[in-house]
Full PDB file with SEQRES, HELIX, SHEET, SSBOND, CRYST1, ORIGX, SCALE, CONECT and MASTER records, all heavy atoms in Angstrom:
SEQRES   1 A   39  VAL GLU ARG ILE ALA GLY ARG SER PRO ARG LEU TYR GLN          
SEQRES   2 A   39  ARG ASP VAL GLU ASN ILE VAL SER ALA ILE LEU GLY GLU          
SEQRES   3 A   39  ILE ALA ALA ALA LEU ALA ARG GLY ASP ARG VAL GLU LEU          
HELIX    1 AA1 GLU A    2  ARG A    7  1                                   6    
HELIX    2 AA2 GLN A   13  ARG A   33  1                                  21    
CRYST1    1.000    1.000    1.000  90.00  90.00  90.00 P 1           1          
ORIGX1      1.000000  0.000000  0.000000        0.00000                         
ORIGX2      0.000000  1.000000  0.000000        0.00000                         
ORIGX3      0.000000  0.000000  1.000000        0.00000                         
SCALE1      1.000000  0.000000  0.000000        0.00000                         
SCALE2      0.000000  1.000000  0.000000        0.00000                         
SCALE3      0.000000  0.000000  1.000000        0.00000                         
ATOM      1  N   VAL A   1      64.380  23.946  22.857  1.00  0.00           N  
ATOM      2  CA  VAL A   1      64.332  22.484  22.721  1.00  0.00           C  
ATOM      3  C   VAL A   1      64.468  21.827  24.095  1.00  0.00           C  
ATOM      4  O   VAL A   1      63.725  20.892  24.420  1.00  0.00           O  
ATOM      5  CB  VAL A   1      65.432  21.994  21.752  1.00  0.00           C  
ATOM      6  CG1 VAL A   1      65.604  20.493  21.822  1.00  0.00           C  
ATOM      7  CG2 VAL A   1      65.129  22.444  20.332  1.00  0.00           C  
ATOM      8  N   GLU A   2      65.381  22.314  24.914  1.00  0.00           N  
ATOM      9  CA  GLU A   2      65.575  21.743  26.255  1.00  0.00           C  
ATOM     10  C   GLU A   2      64.329  21.902  27.118  1.00  0.00           C  
ATOM     11  O   GLU A   2      63.931  20.974  27.822  1.00  0.00           O  
ATOM     12  CB  GLU A   2      66.759  22.414  26.951  1.00  0.00           C  
ATOM     13  CG  GLU A   2      68.100  21.965  26.425  1.00  0.00           C  
ATOM     14  CD  GLU A   2      69.254  22.719  27.075  1.00  0.00           C  
ATOM     15  OE1 GLU A   2      69.041  23.329  28.156  1.00  0.00           O  
ATOM     16  OE2 GLU A   2      70.348  22.693  26.504  1.00  0.00           O  
ATOM     17  N   ARG A   3      63.696  23.072  27.073  1.00  0.00           N  
ATOM     18  CA  ARG A   3      62.481  23.289  27.880  1.00  0.00           C  
ATOM     19  C   ARG A   3      61.336  22.391  27.433  1.00  0.00           C  
ATOM     20  O   ARG A   3      60.626  21.834  28.258  1.00  0.00           O  
ATOM     21  CB  ARG A   3      62.051  24.747  27.799  1.00  0.00           C  
ATOM     22  CG  ARG A   3      62.912  25.643  28.625  1.00  0.00           C  
ATOM     23  CD  ARG A   3      62.320  27.000  28.709  1.00  0.00           C  
ATOM     24  NE  ARG A   3      63.222  27.879  29.440  1.00  0.00           N  
ATOM     25  CZ  ARG A   3      62.895  29.076  29.857  1.00  0.00           C  
ATOM     26  NH1 ARG A   3      61.697  29.557  29.626  1.00  0.00           N  
ATOM     27  NH2 ARG A   3      63.753  29.820  30.507  1.00  0.00           N  
ATOM     28  N   ILE A   4      61.157  22.259  26.127  1.00  0.00           N  
ATOM     29  CA  ILE A   4      60.082  21.398  25.622  1.00  0.00           C  
ATOM     30  C   ILE A   4      60.371  19.951  25.972  1.00  0.00           C  
ATOM     31  O   ILE A   4      59.480  19.217  26.408  1.00  0.00           O  
ATOM     32  CB  ILE A   4      59.895  21.581  24.102  1.00  0.00           C  
ATOM     33  CG1 ILE A   4      59.391  23.003  23.809  1.00  0.00           C  
ATOM     34  CG2 ILE A   4      58.927  20.540  23.547  1.00  0.00           C  
ATOM     35  CD1 ILE A   4      59.371  23.355  22.332  1.00  0.00           C  
ATOM     36  N   ALA A   5      61.608  19.520  25.804  1.00  0.00           N  
ATOM     37  CA  ALA A   5      61.983  18.148  26.141  1.00  0.00           C  
ATOM     38  C   ALA A   5      61.810  17.892  27.638  1.00  0.00           C  
ATOM     39  O   ALA A   5      61.396  16.796  28.043  1.00  0.00           O  
ATOM     40  CB  ALA A   5      63.420  17.874  25.717  1.00  0.00           C  
ATOM     41  N   GLY A   6      62.098  18.894  28.461  1.00  0.00           N  
ATOM     42  CA  GLY A   6      61.928  18.750  29.913  1.00  0.00           C  
ATOM     43  C   GLY A   6      60.471  18.600  30.311  1.00  0.00           C  
ATOM     44  O   GLY A   6      60.143  17.901  31.269  1.00  0.00           O  
ATOM     45  N   ARG A   7      59.571  19.247  29.572  1.00  0.00           N  
ATOM     46  CA  ARG A   7      58.132  19.157  29.862  1.00  0.00           C  
ATOM     47  C   ARG A   7      57.514  17.885  29.317  1.00  0.00           C  
ATOM     48  O   ARG A   7      56.427  17.507  29.723  1.00  0.00           O  
ATOM     49  CB  ARG A   7      57.396  20.336  29.243  1.00  0.00           C  
ATOM     50  CG  ARG A   7      57.602  21.626  29.963  1.00  0.00           C  
ATOM     51  CD  ARG A   7      56.777  22.679  29.300  1.00  0.00           C  
ATOM     52  NE  ARG A   7      56.691  23.863  30.117  1.00  0.00           N  
ATOM     53  CZ  ARG A   7      55.902  24.865  29.857  1.00  0.00           C  
ATOM     54  NH1 ARG A   7      55.113  24.847  28.799  1.00  0.00           N  
ATOM     55  NH2 ARG A   7      55.872  25.906  30.641  1.00  0.00           N  
ATOM     56  N   SER A   8      58.173  17.264  28.359  1.00  0.00           N  
ATOM     57  CA  SER A   8      57.631  16.069  27.700  1.00  0.00           C  
ATOM     58  C   SER A   8      58.609  14.914  27.864  1.00  0.00           C  
ATOM     59  O   SER A   8      59.410  14.629  26.974  1.00  0.00           O  
ATOM     60  CB  SER A   8      57.407  16.342  26.210  1.00  0.00           C  
ATOM     61  OG  SER A   8      56.658  17.511  26.025  1.00  0.00           O  
ATOM     62  N   PRO A   9      58.561  14.218  28.999  1.00  0.00           N  
ATOM     63  CA  PRO A   9      59.552  13.160  29.254  1.00  0.00           C  
ATOM     64  C   PRO A   9      59.473  11.984  28.278  1.00  0.00           C  
ATOM     65  O   PRO A   9      60.447  11.248  28.132  1.00  0.00           O  
ATOM     66  CB  PRO A   9      59.238  12.716  30.681  1.00  0.00           C  
ATOM     67  CG  PRO A   9      57.877  13.218  30.973  1.00  0.00           C  
ATOM     68  CD  PRO A   9      57.610  14.374  30.079  1.00  0.00           C  
ATOM     69  N   ARG A  10      58.362  11.822  27.576  1.00  0.00           N  
ATOM     70  CA  ARG A  10      58.236  10.719  26.619  1.00  0.00           C  
ATOM     71  C   ARG A  10      58.993  10.980  25.324  1.00  0.00           C  
ATOM     72  O   ARG A  10      59.256  10.060  24.567  1.00  0.00           O  
ATOM     73  CB  ARG A  10      56.775  10.468  26.272  1.00  0.00           C  
ATOM     74  CG  ARG A  10      55.972   9.950  27.415  1.00  0.00           C  
ATOM     75  CD  ARG A  10      54.587   9.631  26.949  1.00  0.00           C  
ATOM     76  NE  ARG A  10      53.702   9.424  28.074  1.00  0.00           N  
ATOM     77  CZ  ARG A  10      52.416   9.342  27.990  1.00  0.00           C  
ATOM     78  NH1 ARG A  10      51.821   9.455  26.817  1.00  0.00           N  
ATOM     79  NH2 ARG A  10      51.674   9.140  29.053  1.00  0.00           N  
ATOM     80  N   LEU A  11      59.294  12.241  25.055  1.00  0.00           N  
ATOM     81  CA  LEU A  11      59.981  12.596  23.811  1.00  0.00           C  
ATOM     82  C   LEU A  11      61.486  12.730  24.045  1.00  0.00           C  
ATOM     83  O   LEU A  11      61.914  13.299  25.042  1.00  0.00           O  
ATOM     84  CB  LEU A  11      59.454  13.933  23.266  1.00  0.00           C  
ATOM     85  CG  LEU A  11      58.002  13.980  22.825  1.00  0.00           C  
ATOM     86  CD1 LEU A  11      57.622  15.403  22.450  1.00  0.00           C  
ATOM     87  CD2 LEU A  11      57.783  13.044  21.646  1.00  0.00           C  
ATOM     88  N   TYR A  12      62.240  12.187  23.107  1.00  0.00           N  
ATOM     89  CA  TYR A  12      63.686  12.358  23.165  1.00  0.00           C  
ATOM     90  C   TYR A  12      64.035  13.772  22.705  1.00  0.00           C  
ATOM     91  O   TYR A  12      63.318  14.368  21.909  1.00  0.00           O  
ATOM     92  CB  TYR A  12      64.392  11.355  22.244  1.00  0.00           C  
ATOM     93  CG  TYR A  12      64.256   9.928  22.701  1.00  0.00           C  
ATOM     94  CD1 TYR A  12      63.503   9.020  21.984  1.00  0.00           C  
ATOM     95  CD2 TYR A  12      64.918   9.493  23.852  1.00  0.00           C  
ATOM     96  CE1 TYR A  12      63.382   7.712  22.394  1.00  0.00           C  
ATOM     97  CE2 TYR A  12      64.800   8.182  24.278  1.00  0.00           C  
ATOM     98  CZ  TYR A  12      64.030   7.290  23.537  1.00  0.00           C  
ATOM     99  OH  TYR A  12      63.912   5.999  23.957  1.00  0.00           O  
ATOM    100  N   GLN A  13      65.147  14.279  23.203  1.00  0.00           N  
ATOM    101  CA  GLN A  13      65.544  15.638  22.851  1.00  0.00           C  
ATOM    102  C   GLN A  13      65.763  15.776  21.339  1.00  0.00           C  
ATOM    103  O   GLN A  13      65.403  16.783  20.750  1.00  0.00           O  
ATOM    104  CB  GLN A  13      66.807  16.039  23.608  1.00  0.00           C  
ATOM    105  CG  GLN A  13      67.166  17.495  23.397  1.00  0.00           C  
ATOM    106  CD  GLN A  13      68.168  18.005  24.390  1.00  0.00           C  
ATOM    107  OE1 GLN A  13      68.390  17.400  25.429  1.00  0.00           O  
ATOM    108  NE2 GLN A  13      68.779  19.136  24.088  1.00  0.00           N  
ATOM    109  N   ARG A  14      66.309  14.757  20.697  1.00  0.00           N  
ATOM    110  CA  ARG A  14      66.540  14.850  19.243  1.00  0.00           C  
ATOM    111  C   ARG A  14      65.217  14.907  18.480  1.00  0.00           C  
ATOM    112  O   ARG A  14      65.123  15.547  17.440  1.00  0.00           O  
ATOM    113  CB  ARG A  14      67.414  13.707  18.753  1.00  0.00           C  
ATOM    114  CG  ARG A  14      66.769  12.351  18.796  1.00  0.00           C  
ATOM    115  CD  ARG A  14      67.663  11.278  18.189  1.00  0.00           C  
ATOM    116  NE  ARG A  14      67.010   9.998  18.246  1.00  0.00           N  
ATOM    117  CZ  ARG A  14      67.115   9.135  19.240  1.00  0.00           C  
ATOM    118  NH1 ARG A  14      67.888   9.421  20.277  1.00  0.00           N  
ATOM    119  NH2 ARG A  14      66.462   7.997  19.213  1.00  0.00           N  
ATOM    120  N   ASP A  15      64.167  14.243  19.010  1.00  0.00           N  
ATOM    121  CA  ASP A  15      62.853  14.318  18.372  1.00  0.00           C  
ATOM    122  C   ASP A  15      62.266  15.727  18.510  1.00  0.00           C  
ATOM    123  O   ASP A  15      61.697  16.260  17.569  1.00  0.00           O  
ATOM    124  CB  ASP A  15      61.890  13.296  18.986  1.00  0.00           C  
ATOM    125  CG  ASP A  15      62.309  11.862  18.696  1.00  0.00           C  
ATOM    126  OD1 ASP A  15      63.013  11.642  17.681  1.00  0.00           O  
ATOM    127  OD2 ASP A  15      61.933  10.970  19.479  1.00  0.00           O  
ATOM    128  N   VAL A  16      62.417  16.320  19.693  1.00  0.00           N  
ATOM    129  CA  VAL A  16      61.940  17.682  19.915  1.00  0.00           C  
ATOM    130  C   VAL A  16      62.703  18.643  19.000  1.00  0.00           C  
ATOM    131  O   VAL A  16      62.116  19.549  18.404  1.00  0.00           O  
ATOM    132  CB  VAL A  16      62.093  18.094  21.396  1.00  0.00           C  
ATOM    133  CG1 VAL A  16      61.755  19.559  21.598  1.00  0.00           C  
ATOM    134  CG2 VAL A  16      61.237  17.225  22.292  1.00  0.00           C  
ATOM    135  N   GLU A  17      64.005  18.425  18.860  1.00  0.00           N  
ATOM    136  CA  GLU A  17      64.823  19.245  17.973  1.00  0.00           C  
ATOM    137  C   GLU A  17      64.315  19.165  16.536  1.00  0.00           C  
ATOM    138  O   GLU A  17      64.214  20.179  15.842  1.00  0.00           O  
ATOM    139  CB  GLU A  17      66.268  18.745  18.038  1.00  0.00           C  
ATOM    140  CG  GLU A  17      67.306  19.808  17.957  1.00  0.00           C  
ATOM    141  CD  GLU A  17      68.665  19.242  18.300  1.00  0.00           C  
ATOM    142  OE1 GLU A  17      68.890  18.894  19.485  1.00  0.00           O  
ATOM    143  OE2 GLU A  17      69.491  19.149  17.382  1.00  0.00           O  
ATOM    144  N   ASN A  18      63.972  17.959  16.085  1.00  0.00           N  
ATOM    145  CA  ASN A  18      63.433  17.777  14.733  1.00  0.00           C  
ATOM    146  C   ASN A  18      62.077  18.465  14.573  1.00  0.00           C  
ATOM    147  O   ASN A  18      61.795  19.052  13.529  1.00  0.00           O  
ATOM    148  CB  ASN A  18      63.306  16.295  14.398  1.00  0.00           C  
ATOM    149  CG  ASN A  18      64.653  15.625  14.224  1.00  0.00           C  
ATOM    150  OD1 ASN A  18      65.655  16.273  13.924  1.00  0.00           O  
ATOM    151  ND2 ASN A  18      64.697  14.317  14.426  1.00  0.00           N  
ATOM    152  N   ILE A  19      61.241  18.395  15.591  1.00  0.00           N  
ATOM    153  CA  ILE A  19      59.919  19.028  15.543  1.00  0.00           C  
ATOM    154  C   ILE A  19      60.060  20.541  15.464  1.00  0.00           C  
ATOM    155  O   ILE A  19      59.428  21.192  14.627  1.00  0.00           O  
ATOM    156  CB  ILE A  19      59.065  18.615  16.769  1.00  0.00           C  
ATOM    157  CG1 ILE A  19      58.709  17.124  16.678  1.00  0.00           C  
ATOM    158  CG2 ILE A  19      57.816  19.465  16.877  1.00  0.00           C  
ATOM    159  CD1 ILE A  19      58.145  16.550  17.970  1.00  0.00           C  
ATOM    160  N   VAL A  20      60.901  21.122  16.321  1.00  0.00           N  
ATOM    161  CA  VAL A  20      61.111  22.571  16.321  1.00  0.00           C  
ATOM    162  C   VAL A  20      61.684  23.014  14.973  1.00  0.00           C  
ATOM    163  O   VAL A  20      61.228  24.002  14.383  1.00  0.00           O  
ATOM    164  CB  VAL A  20      62.026  22.997  17.492  1.00  0.00           C  
ATOM    165  CG1 VAL A  20      62.468  24.443  17.357  1.00  0.00           C  
ATOM    166  CG2 VAL A  20      61.318  22.790  18.820  1.00  0.00           C  
ATOM    167  N   SER A  21      62.655  22.274  14.454  1.00  0.00           N  
ATOM    168  CA  SER A  21      63.245  22.611  13.152  1.00  0.00           C  
ATOM    169  C   SER A  21      62.212  22.521  12.036  1.00  0.00           C  
ATOM    170  O   SER A  21      62.196  23.367  11.128  1.00  0.00           O  
ATOM    171  CB  SER A  21      64.420  21.686  12.842  1.00  0.00           C  
ATOM    172  OG  SER A  21      65.481  21.937  13.723  1.00  0.00           O  
ATOM    173  N   ALA A  22      61.341  21.515  12.098  1.00  0.00           N  
ATOM    174  CA  ALA A  22      60.304  21.357  11.074  1.00  0.00           C  
ATOM    175  C   ALA A  22      59.311  22.525  11.120  1.00  0.00           C  
ATOM    176  O   ALA A  22      58.935  23.062  10.075  1.00  0.00           O  
ATOM    177  CB  ALA A  22      59.573  20.038  11.268  1.00  0.00           C  
ATOM    178  N   ILE A  23      58.910  22.920  12.301  1.00  0.00           N  
ATOM    179  CA  ILE A  23      57.957  24.032  12.436  1.00  0.00           C  
ATOM    180  C   ILE A  23      58.579  25.322  11.908  1.00  0.00           C  
ATOM    181  O   ILE A  23      57.968  26.039  11.107  1.00  0.00           O  
ATOM    182  CB  ILE A  23      57.513  24.199  13.906  1.00  0.00           C  
ATOM    183  CG1 ILE A  23      56.629  23.026  14.316  1.00  0.00           C  
ATOM    184  CG2 ILE A  23      56.771  25.520  14.111  1.00  0.00           C  
ATOM    185  CD1 ILE A  23      56.340  22.953  15.797  1.00  0.00           C  
ATOM    186  N   LEU A  24      59.799  25.632  12.350  1.00  0.00           N  
ATOM    187  CA  LEU A  24      60.451  26.859  11.903  1.00  0.00           C  
ATOM    188  C   LEU A  24      60.744  26.817  10.401  1.00  0.00           C  
ATOM    189  O   LEU A  24      60.628  27.837   9.714  1.00  0.00           O  
ATOM    190  CB  LEU A  24      61.731  27.092  12.700  1.00  0.00           C  
ATOM    191  CG  LEU A  24      61.534  27.340  14.196  1.00  0.00           C  
ATOM    192  CD1 LEU A  24      62.873  27.492  14.900  1.00  0.00           C  
ATOM    193  CD2 LEU A  24      60.656  28.541  14.441  1.00  0.00           C  
ATOM    194  N   GLY A  25      61.086  25.637   9.893  1.00  0.00           N  
ATOM    195  CA  GLY A  25      61.330  25.483   8.465  1.00  0.00           C  
ATOM    196  C   GLY A  25      60.078  25.716   7.639  1.00  0.00           C  
ATOM    197  O   GLY A  25      60.121  26.356   6.579  1.00  0.00           O  
ATOM    198  N   GLU A  26      58.939  25.229   8.120  1.00  0.00           N  
ATOM    199  CA  GLU A  26      57.671  25.444   7.414  1.00  0.00           C  
ATOM    200  C   GLU A  26      57.262  26.911   7.434  1.00  0.00           C  
ATOM    201  O   GLU A  26      56.732  27.429   6.454  1.00  0.00           O  
ATOM    202  CB  GLU A  26      56.562  24.579   8.013  1.00  0.00           C  
ATOM    203  CG  GLU A  26      56.640  23.128   7.605  1.00  0.00           C  
ATOM    204  CD  GLU A  26      56.564  22.940   6.100  1.00  0.00           C  
ATOM    205  OE1 GLU A  26      55.700  23.556   5.437  1.00  0.00           O  
ATOM    206  OE2 GLU A  26      57.393  22.186   5.568  1.00  0.00           O  
ATOM    207  N   ILE A  27      57.494  27.588   8.555  1.00  0.00           N  
ATOM    208  CA  ILE A  27      57.192  29.016   8.620  1.00  0.00           C  
ATOM    209  C   ILE A  27      58.055  29.768   7.611  1.00  0.00           C  
ATOM    210  O   ILE A  27      57.557  30.607   6.851  1.00  0.00           O  
ATOM    211  CB  ILE A  27      57.399  29.566  10.055  1.00  0.00           C  
ATOM    212  CG1 ILE A  27      56.330  29.003  10.994  1.00  0.00           C  
ATOM    213  CG2 ILE A  27      57.370  31.094  10.074  1.00  0.00           C  
ATOM    214  CD1 ILE A  27      56.561  29.311  12.452  1.00  0.00           C  
ATOM    215  N   ALA A  28      59.355  29.460   7.564  1.00  0.00           N  
ATOM    216  CA  ALA A  28      60.263  30.128   6.622  1.00  0.00           C  
ATOM    217  C   ALA A  28      59.877  29.829   5.178  1.00  0.00           C  
ATOM    218  O   ALA A  28      59.892  30.731   4.326  1.00  0.00           O  
ATOM    219  CB  ALA A  28      61.703  29.698   6.892  1.00  0.00           C  
ATOM    220  N   ALA A  29      59.498  28.584   4.885  1.00  0.00           N  
ATOM    221  CA  ALA A  29      59.107  28.220   3.520  1.00  0.00           C  
ATOM    222  C   ALA A  29      57.830  28.946   3.103  1.00  0.00           C  
ATOM    223  O   ALA A  29      57.703  29.406   1.967  1.00  0.00           O  
ATOM    224  CB  ALA A  29      58.919  26.701   3.420  1.00  0.00           C  
ATOM    225  N   ALA A  30      56.880  29.052   4.024  1.00  0.00           N  
ATOM    226  CA  ALA A  30      55.630  29.760   3.725  1.00  0.00           C  
ATOM    227  C   ALA A  30      55.905  31.232   3.436  1.00  0.00           C  
ATOM    228  O   ALA A  30      55.339  31.803   2.499  1.00  0.00           O  
ATOM    229  CB  ALA A  30      54.649  29.616   4.887  1.00  0.00           C  
ATOM    230  N   LEU A  31      56.780  31.846   4.218  1.00  0.00           N  
ATOM    231  CA  LEU A  31      57.118  33.246   3.987  1.00  0.00           C  
ATOM    232  C   LEU A  31      57.828  33.423   2.646  1.00  0.00           C  
ATOM    233  O   LEU A  31      57.587  34.396   1.938  1.00  0.00           O  
ATOM    234  CB  LEU A  31      57.997  33.782   5.120  1.00  0.00           C  
ATOM    235  CG  LEU A  31      57.330  33.893   6.485  1.00  0.00           C  
ATOM    236  CD1 LEU A  31      58.332  34.370   7.527  1.00  0.00           C  
ATOM    237  CD2 LEU A  31      56.132  34.812   6.438  1.00  0.00           C  
ATOM    238  N   ALA A  32      58.676  32.466   2.286  1.00  0.00           N  
ATOM    239  CA  ALA A  32      59.380  32.531   0.997  1.00  0.00           C  
ATOM    240  C   ALA A  32      58.393  32.438  -0.165  1.00  0.00           C  
ATOM    241  O   ALA A  32      58.611  33.040  -1.218  1.00  0.00           O  
ATOM    242  CB  ALA A  32      60.416  31.414   0.910  1.00  0.00           C  
ATOM    243  N   ARG A  33      57.306  31.698   0.022  1.00  0.00           N  
ATOM    244  CA  ARG A  33      56.266  31.591  -1.016  1.00  0.00           C  
ATOM    245  C   ARG A  33      55.357  32.814  -1.039  1.00  0.00           C  
ATOM    246  O   ARG A  33      54.525  32.962  -1.923  1.00  0.00           O  
ATOM    247  CB  ARG A  33      55.399  30.353  -0.773  1.00  0.00           C  
ATOM    248  CG  ARG A  33      56.063  29.038  -1.036  1.00  0.00           C  
ATOM    249  CD  ARG A  33      55.053  27.888  -0.988  1.00  0.00           C  
ATOM    250  NE  ARG A  33      54.276  27.851   0.239  1.00  0.00           N  
ATOM    251  CZ  ARG A  33      54.581  27.150   1.321  1.00  0.00           C  
ATOM    252  NH1 ARG A  33      55.678  26.419   1.340  1.00  0.00           N  
ATOM    253  NH2 ARG A  33      53.792  27.167   2.377  1.00  0.00           N  
ATOM    254  N   GLY A  34      55.466  33.662  -0.026  1.00  0.00           N  
ATOM    255  CA  GLY A  34      54.604  34.842   0.067  1.00  0.00           C  
ATOM    256  C   GLY A  34      53.351  34.598   0.871  1.00  0.00           C  
ATOM    257  O   GLY A  34      52.453  35.441   0.895  1.00  0.00           O  
ATOM    258  N   ASP A  35      53.261  33.464   1.561  1.00  0.00           N  
ATOM    259  CA  ASP A  35      52.093  33.140   2.388  1.00  0.00           C  
ATOM    260  C   ASP A  35      52.225  33.779   3.765  1.00  0.00           C  
ATOM    261  O   ASP A  35      53.315  34.116   4.226  1.00  0.00           O  
ATOM    262  CB  ASP A  35      51.965  31.627   2.567  1.00  0.00           C  
ATOM    263  CG  ASP A  35      51.670  30.906   1.274  1.00  0.00           C  
ATOM    264  OD1 ASP A  35      51.218  31.562   0.321  1.00  0.00           O  
ATOM    265  OD2 ASP A  35      51.905  29.682   1.220  1.00  0.00           O  
ATOM    266  N   ARG A  36      51.094  33.901   4.441  1.00  0.00           N  
ATOM    267  CA  ARG A  36      51.006  34.341   5.825  1.00  0.00           C  
ATOM    268  C   ARG A  36      50.922  33.118   6.712  1.00  0.00           C  
ATOM    269  O   ARG A  36      50.287  32.137   6.351  1.00  0.00           O  
ATOM    270  CB  ARG A  36      49.688  35.096   6.008  1.00  0.00           C  
ATOM    271  CG  ARG A  36      49.761  36.530   6.111  1.00  0.00           C  
ATOM    272  CD  ARG A  36      48.325  37.088   6.179  1.00  0.00           C  
ATOM    273  NE  ARG A  36      48.112  37.642   7.488  1.00  0.00           N  
ATOM    274  CZ  ARG A  36      47.091  37.379   8.263  1.00  0.00           C  
ATOM    275  NH1 ARG A  36      46.150  36.564   7.887  1.00  0.00           N  
ATOM    276  NH2 ARG A  36      46.992  37.943   9.424  1.00  0.00           N  
ATOM    277  N   VAL A  37      51.508  33.183   7.893  1.00  0.00           N  
ATOM    278  CA  VAL A  37      51.394  32.096   8.861  1.00  0.00           C  
ATOM    279  C   VAL A  37      50.767  32.677  10.115  1.00  0.00           C  
ATOM    280  O   VAL A  37      51.341  33.563  10.754  1.00  0.00           O  
ATOM    281  CB  VAL A  37      52.772  31.486   9.194  1.00  0.00           C  
ATOM    282  CG1 VAL A  37      52.628  30.393  10.237  1.00  0.00           C  
ATOM    283  CG2 VAL A  37      53.439  30.959   7.945  1.00  0.00           C  
ATOM    284  N   GLU A  38      49.574  32.195  10.451  1.00  0.00           N  
ATOM    285  CA  GLU A  38      48.851  32.697  11.615  1.00  0.00           C  
ATOM    286  C   GLU A  38      48.795  31.610  12.667  1.00  0.00           C  
ATOM    287  O   GLU A  38      48.281  30.521  12.428  1.00  0.00           O  
ATOM    288  CB  GLU A  38      47.438  33.106  11.219  1.00  0.00           C  
ATOM    289  CG  GLU A  38      46.655  33.687  12.347  1.00  0.00           C  
ATOM    290  CD  GLU A  38      45.282  34.169  11.911  1.00  0.00           C  
ATOM    291  OE1 GLU A  38      45.087  34.424  10.708  1.00  0.00           O  
ATOM    292  OE2 GLU A  38      44.413  34.273  12.795  1.00  0.00           O  
ATOM    293  N   LEU A  39      49.332  31.917  13.836  1.00  0.00           N  
ATOM    294  CA  LEU A  39      49.281  31.004  14.975  1.00  0.00           C  
ATOM    295  C   LEU A  39      48.373  31.649  16.016  1.00  0.00           C  
ATOM    296  O   LEU A  39      48.766  32.600  16.689  1.00  0.00           O  
ATOM    297  CB  LEU A  39      50.686  30.770  15.543  1.00  0.00           C  
ATOM    298  CG  LEU A  39      51.716  30.215  14.562  1.00  0.00           C  
ATOM    299  CD1 LEU A  39      53.094  30.195  15.189  1.00  0.00           C  
ATOM    300  CD2 LEU A  39      51.308  28.837  14.093  1.00  0.00           C  
TER     301      LEU A  39                                                      
MASTER        0    0    0    2    0    0    0    6  300    1    0    3          
END                                                                             
């Protein structure tokens, strides 16, 4: 979160934290449903 926030001065650290949590949460939810996540 700190590295991403450091690279993106327009974003607040709490916003980056929410984005990272949302991405990881969606990956976990997809795996719980039995889906594959391809990045």
